[in-house]
N, C-alpha and C. Protein backbone atom coordinates (compact mmCIF):
# COMPACT_ATOMS: atom_id res chain seq x y z
N UNK A 1 7.97 -10.16 3.88
CA UNK A 1 7.00 -11.36 3.36
C UNK A 1 6.02 -11.62 4.50
N UNK A 2 7.37 -11.51 5.71
CA UNK A 2 6.13 -11.64 7.13
C UNK A 2 5.82 -10.75 7.64
N UNK A 3 5.63 -9.05 7.38
CA UNK A 3 5.15 -8.64 7.57
C UNK A 3 3.74 -8.54 7.80
N UNK A 4 3.33 -8.93 5.98
CA UNK A 4 2.62 -8.94 5.04
C UNK A 4 1.41 -10.38 6.07
N UNK A 5 2.28 -11.05 5.90
CA UNK A 5 1.33 -12.31 7.04
C UNK A 5 1.18 -12.13 8.35
N UNK A 6 1.35 -11.21 8.81
CA UNK A 6 1.07 -10.92 9.79
C UNK A 6 0.16 -9.78 10.22
N UNK A 7 0.09 -8.98 8.97
CA UNK A 7 -0.88 -7.75 9.18
C UNK A 7 -2.21 -8.36 9.11
N UNK A 8 -2.08 -9.52 7.60
CA UNK A 8 -3.14 -10.34 7.53
C UNK A 8 -4.20 -11.62 6.95
N UNK A 9 -2.73 -11.82 8.87
CA UNK A 9 -3.36 -12.72 9.28
C UNK A 9 -3.03 -14.92 8.45
N UNK A 10 -2.17 -14.67 7.11
CA UNK A 10 -2.11 -15.52 5.93
C UNK A 10 -1.00 -16.41 5.94
N UNK A 11 -0.98 -17.71 6.06
CA UNK A 11 0.16 -18.53 6.75
C UNK A 11 1.33 -18.50 5.76
N UNK A 12 2.09 -18.29 5.72
CA UNK A 12 4.09 -18.89 5.28
C UNK A 12 3.95 -19.61 4.29
N UNK A 13 3.76 -19.55 3.48
CA UNK A 13 3.60 -21.41 2.53
C UNK A 13 5.28 -22.04 2.52
N UNK A 14 4.94 -23.53 2.16
CA UNK A 14 7.28 -23.44 1.95
C UNK A 14 7.41 -23.61 0.41
N UNK A 15 8.51 -23.26 0.85
CA UNK A 15 8.91 -22.65 -1.05
C UNK A 15 9.38 -24.37 -1.81
N UNK A 16 8.89 -24.08 -2.92
CA UNK A 16 8.76 -25.32 -3.55
C UNK A 16 9.96 -25.96 -4.88
N UNK A 17 11.50 -24.86 -4.02
CA UNK A 17 12.81 -24.70 -5.01
C UNK A 17 11.78 -25.17 -6.46
N UNK A 18 11.33 -24.53 -6.85
CA UNK A 18 11.35 -24.55 -8.74
C UNK A 18 12.84 -23.56 -9.59
N UNK A 19 12.80 -21.96 -8.85
CA UNK A 19 14.33 -22.34 -8.90
C UNK A 19 14.04 -20.54 -9.55
N UNK A 20 12.70 -20.49 -9.71
CA UNK A 20 12.22 -19.91 -11.02
C UNK A 20 12.49 -18.29 -10.79
N UNK A 21 11.77 -17.86 -9.21
CA UNK A 21 12.20 -17.04 -8.72
C UNK A 21 13.65 -16.70 -8.91
N UNK A 22 14.62 -17.05 -9.17
CA UNK A 22 16.20 -17.25 -9.64
C UNK A 22 16.73 -16.40 -10.47
N UNK A 23 15.70 -17.86 -10.95
CA UNK A 23 16.45 -17.71 -13.06
C UNK A 23 16.08 -16.71 -14.17
N UNK A 24 14.61 -16.35 -13.27
CA UNK A 24 13.17 -15.17 -14.26
C UNK A 24 13.06 -14.49 -13.21
N UNK A 25 14.36 -13.84 -12.86
CA UNK A 25 13.05 -12.45 -12.06
C UNK A 25 13.57 -11.27 -12.82
N UNK A 26 12.90 -9.91 -12.55
CA UNK A 26 12.20 -9.04 -13.71
C UNK A 26 11.97 -7.65 -12.41
N UNK A 27 13.06 -6.97 -12.09
CA UNK A 27 12.05 -6.08 -11.75
C UNK A 27 11.99 -5.16 -11.63
N UNK A 28 10.96 -3.64 -10.97
CA UNK A 28 10.09 -3.11 -11.98
C UNK A 28 10.84 -1.62 -12.24
N UNK A 29 12.16 -2.25 -11.60
CA UNK A 29 13.32 -0.50 -11.71
C UNK A 29 13.34 -0.97 -12.81
N UNK A 30 13.53 -0.24 -14.24
CA UNK A 30 14.32 -0.11 -15.29
C UNK A 30 15.57 -0.64 -15.47
N UNK A 31 16.13 -1.17 -16.78
CA UNK A 31 18.18 -1.72 -15.66
C UNK A 31 18.85 0.23 -16.17
N UNK A 32 18.62 0.22 -16.87
CA UNK A 32 19.47 1.57 -16.93
C UNK A 32 18.71 2.39 -14.80
N UNK A 33 18.30 2.02 -14.87
CA UNK A 33 17.82 2.79 -13.76
C UNK A 33 18.80 2.16 -12.89
N UNK A 34 18.20 1.21 -12.62
CA UNK A 34 19.03 -0.35 -11.35
C UNK A 34 20.46 0.18 -11.33
N UNK A 35 21.20 0.12 -12.21
CA UNK A 35 22.70 1.28 -12.43
C UNK A 35 22.69 2.13 -12.12
N UNK A 36 21.70 2.75 -12.33
CA UNK A 36 21.96 4.59 -11.29
C UNK A 36 21.50 4.85 -10.31
N UNK A 37 20.77 3.93 -9.80
CA UNK A 37 21.06 3.45 -8.23
C UNK A 37 21.53 3.07 -7.50
N UNK A 38 22.40 2.14 -8.41
CA UNK A 38 22.60 1.24 -7.84
C UNK A 38 24.66 2.12 -7.70
N UNK A 39 24.90 2.49 -8.75
CA UNK A 39 26.37 4.18 -8.23
C UNK A 39 26.30 4.59 -7.49
N UNK A 40 24.49 5.06 -6.86
CA UNK A 40 24.66 6.41 -5.95
C UNK A 40 24.69 5.51 -4.62
N UNK A 41 24.63 3.89 -4.68
CA UNK A 41 24.72 3.41 -3.24
C UNK A 41 22.65 3.18 -3.14
N UNK A 42 22.42 3.20 -3.85
CA UNK A 42 21.61 2.23 -2.83
C UNK A 42 20.84 0.70 -3.10
N UNK A 43 20.61 0.48 -2.06
CA UNK A 43 20.57 -1.61 -0.86
C UNK A 43 21.04 -1.80 -1.62
N UNK A 44 19.46 -1.79 -2.19
CA UNK A 44 18.58 -2.97 -2.83
C UNK A 44 19.20 -2.65 -4.38
N UNK A 45 19.70 -2.41 -5.18
CA UNK A 45 20.55 -1.47 -6.15
C UNK A 45 21.04 -2.10 -6.51
N UNK A 46 22.07 -2.08 -5.53
CA UNK A 46 23.80 -2.33 -5.26
C UNK A 46 23.37 -3.73 -5.10
N UNK A 47 23.12 -4.44 -3.84
CA UNK A 47 22.77 -6.08 -3.95
C UNK A 47 22.11 -6.75 -4.72
N UNK A 48 21.24 -5.94 -5.77
CA UNK A 48 20.19 -7.10 -6.96
C UNK A 48 21.30 -7.48 -7.69
N UNK A 49 22.13 -6.04 -8.38
CA UNK A 49 23.32 -6.19 -9.55
C UNK A 49 24.36 -6.55 -9.11
N UNK A 50 24.28 -7.63 -7.64
CA UNK A 50 25.76 -7.62 -7.11
C UNK A 50 25.38 -9.65 -7.54
N UNK A 51 24.36 -9.95 -7.79
CA UNK A 51 24.26 -11.76 -7.65
C UNK A 51 23.37 -11.75 -9.15
N UNK A 52 22.69 -10.96 -9.45
CA UNK A 52 21.35 -11.04 -10.77
C UNK A 52 22.32 -10.95 -11.80
N UNK A 53 22.23 -11.51 -12.50
CA UNK A 53 22.98 -10.95 -13.99
C UNK A 53 21.81 -11.17 -15.47
N UNK A 54 22.23 -10.21 -16.65
CA UNK A 54 20.48 -9.93 -16.90
C UNK A 54 21.28 -11.19 -18.19
N UNK A 55 20.13 -11.57 -18.46
CA UNK A 55 20.00 -12.33 -20.51
C UNK A 55 20.05 -11.19 -21.00
N UNK A 56 21.51 -11.74 -22.31
CA UNK A 56 21.30 -11.10 -23.38
C UNK A 56 20.15 -10.82 -24.56
N UNK A 57 19.24 -11.40 -23.70
CA UNK A 57 17.87 -10.58 -24.86
C UNK A 57 16.49 -11.56 -24.47
N UNK A 58 15.40 -10.91 -24.75
CA UNK A 58 14.11 -11.45 -23.95
C UNK A 58 13.77 -12.54 -25.07
N UNK A 59 14.56 -13.03 -25.81
CA UNK A 59 14.53 -13.63 -26.60
C UNK A 59 14.63 -15.36 -26.21
N UNK A 60 16.63 -15.22 -25.29
CA UNK A 60 16.62 -16.11 -24.54
C UNK A 60 15.68 -16.69 -23.40
N UNK A 61 15.25 -15.34 -23.46
CA UNK A 61 14.14 -15.65 -21.38
C UNK A 61 12.90 -16.78 -21.86
N UNK A 62 12.50 -16.18 -23.32
CA UNK A 62 11.72 -16.81 -24.52
C UNK A 62 11.89 -18.12 -24.22
N UNK A 63 13.02 -18.91 -24.71
CA UNK A 63 12.73 -19.65 -25.07
C UNK A 63 13.35 -20.95 -23.71
N UNK A 64 13.30 -19.99 -22.63
CA UNK A 64 13.76 -21.19 -21.51
C UNK A 64 12.39 -21.46 -20.56
N UNK A 65 11.61 -20.29 -20.48
CA UNK A 65 10.15 -20.04 -19.86
C UNK A 65 9.14 -18.60 -20.78
N UNK A 66 8.46 -19.23 -21.29
CA UNK A 66 7.60 -17.91 -22.35
C UNK A 66 7.02 -17.84 -20.77
N UNK A 67 6.26 -18.89 -20.63
CA UNK A 67 5.18 -18.56 -19.18
C UNK A 67 5.29 -17.23 -18.77
N UNK A 68 6.24 -17.30 -17.80
CA UNK A 68 7.05 -16.05 -18.02
C UNK A 68 6.78 -14.62 -17.89
N UNK A 69 7.41 -14.76 -18.88
CA UNK A 69 7.68 -13.75 -19.75
C UNK A 69 6.67 -13.21 -20.36
N UNK A 70 4.89 -13.94 -20.97
CA UNK A 70 4.02 -13.26 -21.19
C UNK A 70 3.22 -13.05 -19.61
N UNK A 71 3.63 -13.79 -18.86
CA UNK A 71 3.26 -13.50 -17.01
C UNK A 71 3.17 -11.46 -17.16
N UNK A 72 4.34 -11.41 -17.10
CA UNK A 72 4.45 -10.25 -17.02
C UNK A 72 4.19 -9.46 -17.44
N UNK A 73 4.56 -9.81 -19.36
CA UNK A 73 3.48 -8.79 -19.90
C UNK A 73 2.32 -8.14 -20.06
N UNK A 74 1.61 -9.33 -19.19
CA UNK A 74 0.31 -8.90 -18.90
C UNK A 74 -0.35 -8.07 -17.68
N UNK A 75 0.42 -8.18 -16.69
CA UNK A 75 0.55 -7.98 -15.33
C UNK A 75 1.09 -6.56 -15.48
N UNK A 76 2.15 -5.86 -16.36
CA UNK A 76 2.71 -5.15 -16.82
C UNK A 76 1.09 -3.96 -17.91
N UNK A 77 0.99 -5.26 -18.86
CA UNK A 77 -0.17 -4.58 -19.48
C UNK A 77 -1.67 -3.34 -18.51
N UNK A 78 -1.60 -4.40 -17.53
CA UNK A 78 -2.94 -4.36 -16.82
C UNK A 78 -2.27 -3.38 -16.25
N UNK A 79 -1.20 -2.31 -15.51
CA UNK A 79 -0.94 -1.71 -14.95
C UNK A 79 -0.85 -0.25 -15.27
N UNK A 80 -0.32 -0.32 -16.74
CA UNK A 80 -0.58 0.47 -17.60
C UNK A 80 -1.30 1.27 -18.18
N UNK A 81 -2.08 -0.13 -18.69
CA UNK A 81 -3.39 0.27 -19.10
C UNK A 81 -3.29 0.50 -20.61
N UNK A 82 -2.67 -0.51 -20.71
CA UNK A 82 -2.04 -0.07 -22.36
C UNK A 82 -1.03 -1.28 -22.40
N UNK A 83 -0.11 -1.06 -24.31
CA UNK A 83 0.81 -1.89 -25.03
C UNK A 83 2.05 -1.62 -23.89
N UNK A 84 2.91 -2.64 -23.87
CA UNK A 84 4.27 -2.29 -23.42
C UNK A 84 4.87 -3.31 -23.64
N UNK A 85 6.17 -2.15 -24.42
CA UNK A 85 7.53 -2.32 -25.26
C UNK A 85 7.53 -3.60 -24.75
N UNK A 86 7.88 -5.57 -25.04
CA UNK A 86 8.99 -5.81 -24.64
C UNK A 86 9.90 -6.05 -24.17
N UNK A 87 10.60 -5.49 -25.18
CA UNK A 87 11.67 -5.29 -25.34
C UNK A 87 12.49 -3.85 -24.74
N UNK A 88 11.72 -3.50 -23.48
CA UNK A 88 11.54 -2.16 -22.81
C UNK A 88 12.26 -3.55 -21.22
N UNK A 89 11.89 -5.13 -21.05
CA UNK A 89 11.77 -5.60 -20.28
C UNK A 89 12.86 -6.55 -19.99
N UNK A 90 13.41 -6.32 -18.85
CA UNK A 90 15.34 -6.93 -18.60
C UNK A 90 14.50 -8.08 -17.41
N UNK A 91 15.34 -9.73 -17.80
CA UNK A 91 15.43 -10.53 -16.62
C UNK A 91 16.66 -11.49 -16.06
N UNK A 92 16.48 -11.14 -14.76
CA UNK A 92 17.93 -11.20 -14.46
C UNK A 92 17.94 -13.13 -14.00
N UNK A 93 18.95 -13.60 -13.96
CA UNK A 93 18.95 -14.93 -13.55
C UNK A 93 20.68 -15.10 -12.08
N UNK A 94 20.13 -15.08 -11.01
CA UNK A 94 21.16 -15.83 -10.47
C UNK A 94 22.64 -16.13 -10.29
N UNK A 95 23.09 -16.14 -10.20
CA UNK A 95 24.95 -16.95 -9.81
C UNK A 95 24.95 -17.52 -9.43
N UNK A 96 24.33 -18.03 -8.22
CA UNK A 96 24.33 -18.49 -6.89
C UNK A 96 23.43 -19.29 -7.23
N UNK A 97 22.44 -19.90 -8.59
CA UNK A 97 21.37 -20.79 -7.96
C UNK A 97 22.15 -21.94 -9.06
N UNK A 98 22.05 -22.94 -7.85
CA UNK A 98 23.14 -24.03 -8.32
C UNK A 98 22.44 -25.52 -9.05
N UNK A 99 22.77 -25.82 -9.85
CA UNK A 99 21.87 -27.17 -10.21
C UNK A 99 20.75 -27.46 -10.37
N UNK A 100 20.05 -27.54 -8.86
CA UNK A 100 19.24 -28.28 -8.54
C UNK A 100 18.75 -27.87 -7.31
N UNK A 101 19.07 -25.89 -8.42
CA UNK A 101 17.83 -24.77 -7.89
C UNK A 101 18.06 -25.06 -6.42
N UNK A 102 19.21 -25.13 -5.57
CA UNK A 102 19.69 -23.89 -4.31
C UNK A 102 20.36 -23.47 -4.12
N UNK A 103 20.26 -22.54 -3.19
CA UNK A 103 21.13 -20.78 -2.97
C UNK A 103 22.98 -21.70 -2.23
N UNK A 104 23.26 -21.53 -3.23
CA UNK A 104 25.08 -21.18 -3.34
C UNK A 104 25.62 -20.58 -1.83
N UNK A 105 24.33 -19.21 -1.70
CA UNK A 105 24.39 -18.53 -0.71
C UNK A 105 23.61 -18.70 0.27
N UNK A 106 23.50 -19.92 1.00
CA UNK A 106 22.05 -19.40 1.85
C UNK A 106 21.74 -18.75 3.05
N UNK A 107 23.17 -19.49 3.27
CA UNK A 107 23.54 -18.32 4.63
C UNK A 107 23.66 -17.06 4.64
N UNK A 108 24.68 -16.67 3.95
CA UNK A 108 25.75 -15.12 3.09
C UNK A 108 24.24 -14.90 2.86
N UNK A 109 23.20 -15.46 2.15
CA UNK A 109 21.62 -13.92 1.31
C UNK A 109 21.24 -13.20 1.75
N UNK A 110 21.59 -11.68 0.54
CA UNK A 110 21.09 -10.62 0.94
C UNK A 110 19.89 -10.63 1.35
N UNK A 111 19.15 -9.03 2.02
CA UNK A 111 17.98 -9.63 3.00
C UNK A 111 17.16 -9.16 1.57
N UNK A 112 17.49 -8.69 0.18
CA UNK A 112 16.44 -8.68 -0.93
C UNK A 112 16.44 -10.04 -0.55
N UNK A 113 16.91 -11.23 -1.19
CA UNK A 113 15.99 -12.46 -1.38
C UNK A 113 15.27 -13.33 -0.02
N UNK A 114 16.25 -12.73 1.12
CA UNK A 114 15.65 -13.38 2.79
C UNK A 114 14.12 -13.16 2.29
N UNK A 115 13.59 -11.72 1.95
CA UNK A 115 12.28 -11.06 2.60
C UNK A 115 11.90 -11.51 1.09
N UNK A 116 12.13 -12.16 0.43
CA UNK A 116 11.46 -12.78 -0.80
C UNK A 116 10.39 -13.67 -0.70
N UNK A 117 8.66 -12.81 -1.03
CA UNK A 117 8.75 -11.88 -1.27
C UNK A 117 7.90 -11.05 -0.44
N UNK A 118 8.67 -9.73 -0.60
CA UNK A 118 8.44 -8.88 0.17
C UNK A 118 6.90 -8.25 0.12
N UNK A 119 6.32 -8.13 -1.48
CA UNK A 119 5.09 -8.02 -1.28
C UNK A 119 4.00 -8.93 -1.73
N UNK A 120 3.31 -8.85 -1.55
CA UNK A 120 2.26 -9.73 -2.46
C UNK A 120 1.84 -9.11 -3.89
N UNK A 121 2.25 -8.33 -4.65
CA UNK A 121 2.02 -7.78 -5.27
C UNK A 121 3.08 -8.05 -6.98
N UNK A 122 4.65 -8.57 -6.07
CA UNK A 122 4.97 -9.10 -7.23
C UNK A 122 4.58 -9.06 -8.18
N UNK A 123 4.84 -10.06 -9.13
CA UNK A 123 4.81 -10.73 -10.30
C UNK A 123 5.93 -11.62 -10.05
N UNK A 124 5.21 -12.73 -9.47
CA UNK A 124 5.32 -14.37 -9.42
C UNK A 124 5.73 -15.40 -10.70
N UNK A 125 6.27 -16.24 -10.32
CA UNK A 125 6.45 -17.13 -11.79
C UNK A 125 5.51 -17.87 -11.19
N UNK A 126 5.20 -18.55 -12.96
CA UNK A 126 3.99 -19.88 -12.84
C UNK A 126 3.93 -20.70 -11.85
N UNK A 127 3.34 -21.63 -11.13
CA UNK A 127 4.21 -22.90 -10.48
C UNK A 127 4.44 -22.68 -8.90
N UNK A 128 5.02 -21.17 -8.87
CA UNK A 128 5.11 -20.40 -7.57
C UNK A 128 4.70 -20.69 -6.12
N UNK A 129 5.40 -21.40 -5.07
CA UNK A 129 4.46 -22.01 -3.84
C UNK A 129 3.93 -20.19 -3.38
N UNK A 130 4.39 -19.51 -3.57
CA UNK A 130 3.36 -18.56 -3.11
C UNK A 130 2.54 -17.43 -3.76
N UNK A 131 2.15 -18.32 -4.59
CA UNK A 131 1.26 -17.52 -5.36
C UNK A 131 -0.57 -17.65 -4.84
N UNK A 132 -0.72 -18.71 -4.22
CA UNK A 132 -1.90 -18.99 -3.16
C UNK A 132 -1.53 -17.87 -2.37
N UNK A 133 -0.18 -17.59 -1.74
CA UNK A 133 -0.24 -16.35 -0.57
C UNK A 133 -0.14 -15.06 -1.00
N UNK A 134 -0.19 -15.00 -2.78
CA UNK A 134 -0.16 -13.58 -2.94
C UNK A 134 -1.16 -13.52 -2.70
N UNK A 135 -2.62 -14.25 -3.66
CA UNK A 135 -4.03 -13.86 -4.11
C UNK A 135 -4.64 -14.28 -2.96
N UNK A 136 -4.15 -14.96 -1.53
CA UNK A 136 -4.66 -14.65 -0.30
C UNK A 136 -4.68 -13.27 0.15
N UNK A 137 -3.07 -12.81 0.09
CA UNK A 137 -3.04 -10.88 0.51
C UNK A 137 -3.37 -10.14 -0.23
N UNK A 138 -3.84 -10.49 -1.20
CA UNK A 138 -4.56 -9.32 -1.79
C UNK A 138 -5.67 -9.49 -1.71
N UNK A 139 -7.05 -10.04 -0.97
CA UNK A 139 -7.79 -11.02 -1.46
C UNK A 139 -8.05 -10.39 -0.25
N UNK A 140 -7.48 -10.35 1.06
CA UNK A 140 -7.81 -9.98 2.53
C UNK A 140 -7.44 -8.96 2.37
N UNK A 141 -6.44 -8.05 1.70
CA UNK A 141 -5.73 -6.50 2.14
C UNK A 141 -6.98 -5.62 1.24
N UNK A 142 -6.96 -6.35 0.05
CA UNK A 142 -8.77 -5.06 -0.50
C UNK A 142 -10.21 -5.16 0.52
N UNK A 143 -10.23 -6.54 1.53
CA UNK A 143 -11.17 -6.40 2.50
C UNK A 143 -10.70 -5.18 4.04
N UNK A 144 -9.51 -5.32 3.60
CA UNK A 144 -8.99 -4.22 4.53
C UNK A 144 -9.40 -3.14 4.50
N UNK A 145 -8.76 -2.59 2.99
CA UNK A 145 -9.01 -1.73 3.01
C UNK A 145 -10.59 -0.96 2.77
N UNK A 146 -11.29 -2.48 2.10
CA UNK A 146 -12.69 -1.46 2.35
C UNK A 146 -13.72 -1.87 3.67
N UNK A 147 -12.70 -2.42 4.97
CA UNK A 147 -13.58 -1.98 6.46
C UNK A 147 -12.38 -0.47 6.32
N UNK A 148 -11.81 0.12 6.21
CA UNK A 148 -10.80 0.68 6.72
C UNK A 148 -12.08 2.18 6.07
N UNK A 149 -12.46 1.97 4.82
CA UNK A 149 -13.75 3.23 4.28
C UNK A 149 -14.20 3.48 4.57
N UNK A 150 -14.77 2.05 5.16
CA UNK A 150 -16.69 2.34 5.92
C UNK A 150 -16.46 2.94 7.46
N UNK A 151 -15.16 3.00 8.04
CA UNK A 151 -14.48 3.17 9.27
C UNK A 151 -14.76 4.13 9.55
N UNK A 152 -14.25 5.09 8.05
CA UNK A 152 -14.07 6.39 7.72
C UNK A 152 -15.13 7.22 7.53
N UNK A 153 -16.20 6.57 6.73
CA UNK A 153 -17.51 7.09 6.60
C UNK A 153 -18.74 7.31 7.49
N UNK A 154 -17.77 6.46 8.89
CA UNK A 154 -19.02 5.57 9.81
C UNK A 154 -18.86 7.40 10.80
N UNK A 155 -16.85 7.41 10.62
CA UNK A 155 -16.70 8.53 11.75
C UNK A 155 -16.80 10.09 10.89
N UNK A 156 -17.12 10.00 9.63
CA UNK A 156 -17.65 11.49 9.12
C UNK A 156 -19.13 11.89 9.77
N UNK A 157 -19.36 10.34 9.83
CA UNK A 157 -21.02 10.72 10.66
C UNK A 157 -21.12 10.47 11.40
N UNK A 158 -20.20 9.95 12.63
CA UNK A 158 -21.14 10.49 13.21
C UNK A 158 -20.17 12.10 14.18
N UNK A 159 -19.45 12.22 12.80
CA UNK A 159 -19.01 13.67 13.61
C UNK A 159 -19.78 14.94 12.91
N UNK A 160 -21.02 14.39 12.14
CA UNK A 160 -22.22 14.99 11.62
C UNK A 160 -23.21 14.87 12.46
N UNK A 161 -23.04 13.83 13.62
CA UNK A 161 -23.78 13.73 14.12
C UNK A 161 -24.02 14.14 15.49
N UNK A 162 -23.17 14.10 15.78
CA UNK A 162 -22.10 14.78 17.54
C UNK A 162 -22.63 16.76 17.49
N UNK A 163 -22.19 17.19 15.71
CA UNK A 163 -22.35 18.90 15.74
C UNK A 163 -24.26 18.65 15.48
N UNK A 164 -24.50 17.98 14.68
CA UNK A 164 -26.24 18.04 15.07
C UNK A 164 -26.48 18.28 16.57
N UNK A 165 -26.65 16.97 17.02
CA UNK A 165 -26.55 17.40 19.01
C UNK A 165 -26.33 18.58 19.33
N UNK A 166 -24.90 18.73 18.69
CA UNK A 166 -25.15 20.38 19.75
C UNK A 166 -25.18 21.34 19.40
N UNK A 167 -25.20 21.22 18.09
CA UNK A 167 -26.90 22.70 17.85
C UNK A 167 -28.42 22.42 18.30
N UNK A 168 -28.57 21.17 17.99
CA UNK A 168 -29.30 21.05 18.84
C UNK A 168 -29.95 21.23 20.14
N UNK A 169 -28.78 21.27 20.93
CA UNK A 169 -29.13 21.14 22.12
C UNK A 169 -28.46 23.05 22.48
N UNK A 170 -27.71 23.76 21.17
CA UNK A 170 -27.79 25.37 21.41
C UNK A 170 -29.23 25.74 21.39
N UNK A 171 -29.63 25.17 20.50
CA UNK A 171 -31.42 25.62 20.40
C UNK A 171 -32.58 25.88 21.16
N UNK A 172 -31.92 24.25 21.77
CA UNK A 172 -32.95 24.14 23.13
C UNK A 172 -32.86 25.25 23.98
N UNK A 173 -31.74 24.96 24.45
CA UNK A 173 -30.90 26.06 25.50
C UNK A 173 -31.44 28.26 25.08
N UNK A 174 -31.69 28.00 23.85
CA UNK A 174 -31.70 29.42 23.06
C UNK A 174 -33.63 29.18 23.72
N UNK A 175 -34.43 28.83 23.14
CA UNK A 175 -35.80 28.34 23.80
C UNK A 175 -36.10 28.15 24.68
N UNK A 176 -35.09 27.66 26.23
CA UNK A 176 -36.09 27.52 27.30
C UNK A 176 -35.37 28.78 28.13
N UNK A 177 -36.79 29.20 28.44
CA UNK A 177 -36.87 30.39 29.10
C UNK A 177 -35.84 30.54 30.61
N UNK A 178 -35.41 29.63 31.00
CA UNK A 178 -34.75 29.84 32.31
C UNK A 178 -33.45 29.97 31.54
N UNK A 179 -33.20 30.17 30.05
CA UNK A 179 -32.12 30.86 29.71
C UNK A 179 -31.89 32.34 29.58
N UNK A 180 -32.93 32.25 29.32
CA UNK A 180 -33.67 34.36 29.56
C UNK A 180 -33.20 34.77 30.95
N UNK A 181 -32.76 35.97 30.30
CA UNK A 181 -32.22 36.61 31.77
C UNK A 181 -32.47 37.82 31.66
N UNK A 182 -33.44 38.74 32.23
CA UNK A 182 -33.95 39.58 32.12
C UNK A 182 -33.47 40.88 32.91
N UNK A 183 -32.19 40.99 32.52
CA UNK A 183 -31.76 42.62 33.40
C UNK A 183 -32.68 43.77 32.93
N UNK A 184 -32.79 44.53 34.66
CA UNK A 184 -33.97 45.69 34.26
C UNK A 184 -32.92 46.59 34.66
N UNK A 185 -32.30 47.78 34.36
CA UNK A 185 -31.81 48.97 35.32
C UNK A 185 -32.25 49.82 35.62
N UNK A 186 -31.66 50.94 36.38
CA UNK A 186 -32.31 51.93 36.74
C UNK A 186 -32.63 52.84 35.65
N UNK A 187 -33.47 53.30 35.68
CA UNK A 187 -33.51 54.70 34.68
C UNK A 187 -32.46 55.84 34.72
N UNK A 188 -32.27 56.13 33.62
CA UNK A 188 -30.83 57.28 34.10
C UNK A 188 -31.73 58.28 33.29
N UNK A 189 -31.38 59.46 33.45
CA UNK A 189 -32.02 60.88 33.00
C UNK A 189 -31.41 61.29 31.86
N UNK A 190 -29.68 60.93 31.75
CA UNK A 190 -29.38 61.07 30.52
C UNK A 190 -29.86 60.89 29.05
N UNK A 191 -30.40 59.04 29.14
CA UNK A 191 -31.02 57.97 28.38
C UNK A 191 -32.45 59.02 28.69
N UNK A 192 -33.52 58.64 29.55
CA UNK A 192 -34.63 58.97 29.17
C UNK A 192 -35.39 58.59 30.62
N UNK A 193 -35.71 60.09 30.58
CA UNK A 193 -36.49 59.56 32.72
C UNK A 193 -37.08 59.13 32.46
N UNK A 194 -37.75 57.92 34.46
CA UNK A 194 -38.75 57.18 33.88
C UNK A 194 -39.14 56.24 33.54
N UNK A 195 -37.54 55.88 32.53
CA UNK A 195 -37.91 54.63 32.17
C UNK A 195 -36.74 53.93 32.19
N UNK A 196 -36.59 52.56 31.89
CA UNK A 196 -35.12 51.05 32.63
C UNK A 196 -35.70 50.82 30.90
N UNK A 197 -34.11 50.88 31.30
CA UNK A 197 -33.49 49.46 30.07
C UNK A 197 -33.95 48.05 30.04
N UNK A 198 -34.40 47.13 29.61
CA UNK A 198 -34.11 45.87 29.18
C UNK A 198 -33.64 44.53 28.45
N UNK A 199 -32.61 44.15 28.81
CA UNK A 199 -31.72 43.21 27.71
C UNK A 199 -31.79 42.24 28.06
N UNK A 200 -32.41 40.73 27.32
CA UNK A 200 -32.34 40.06 26.92
C UNK A 200 -31.46 39.02 26.45
N UNK A 201 -31.05 37.71 26.96
CA UNK A 201 -30.03 37.16 26.55
C UNK A 201 -30.11 35.51 26.55
């Protein structure tokens, strides 16, 4: 999260300790692929599955917090521009989340927890303190992209302007008499006796 806060100059909020990020986690990577990556020693997948346990069904999650499920579905539908099969979404809960929403391994928590949220584009649970941070980051990120695009256009225009200036200077040199040099060569009998060659540059 810090890299985004520093890049976009957005203040990091204080966690409200709702426990929702630990109780209703749903990574973008499908469950089967997550297992495969963990088997291949992918650090994120390995650490994630070492602390998070999947719910047995989506209905179990709905009973606990339907808003979380609906928000995830809504975001996925926007990302994929269409209907999403809810049965393909897997939610997890942290085995180290205490009843008072504190972390039982806080001092030794893995980097994926320390860095959360590592992106403002994560789906955050309703009521999360980082939602305002996420919204502000997205707003400033969009502005940054727009500014970069404008700079690119300015550089492109400047490039064309420089080319135009160089071309104009070349034309001026060509039209300027001082750049025209006449070379008068002595006549050669082999070519044309009594005449001269004249070349203009």
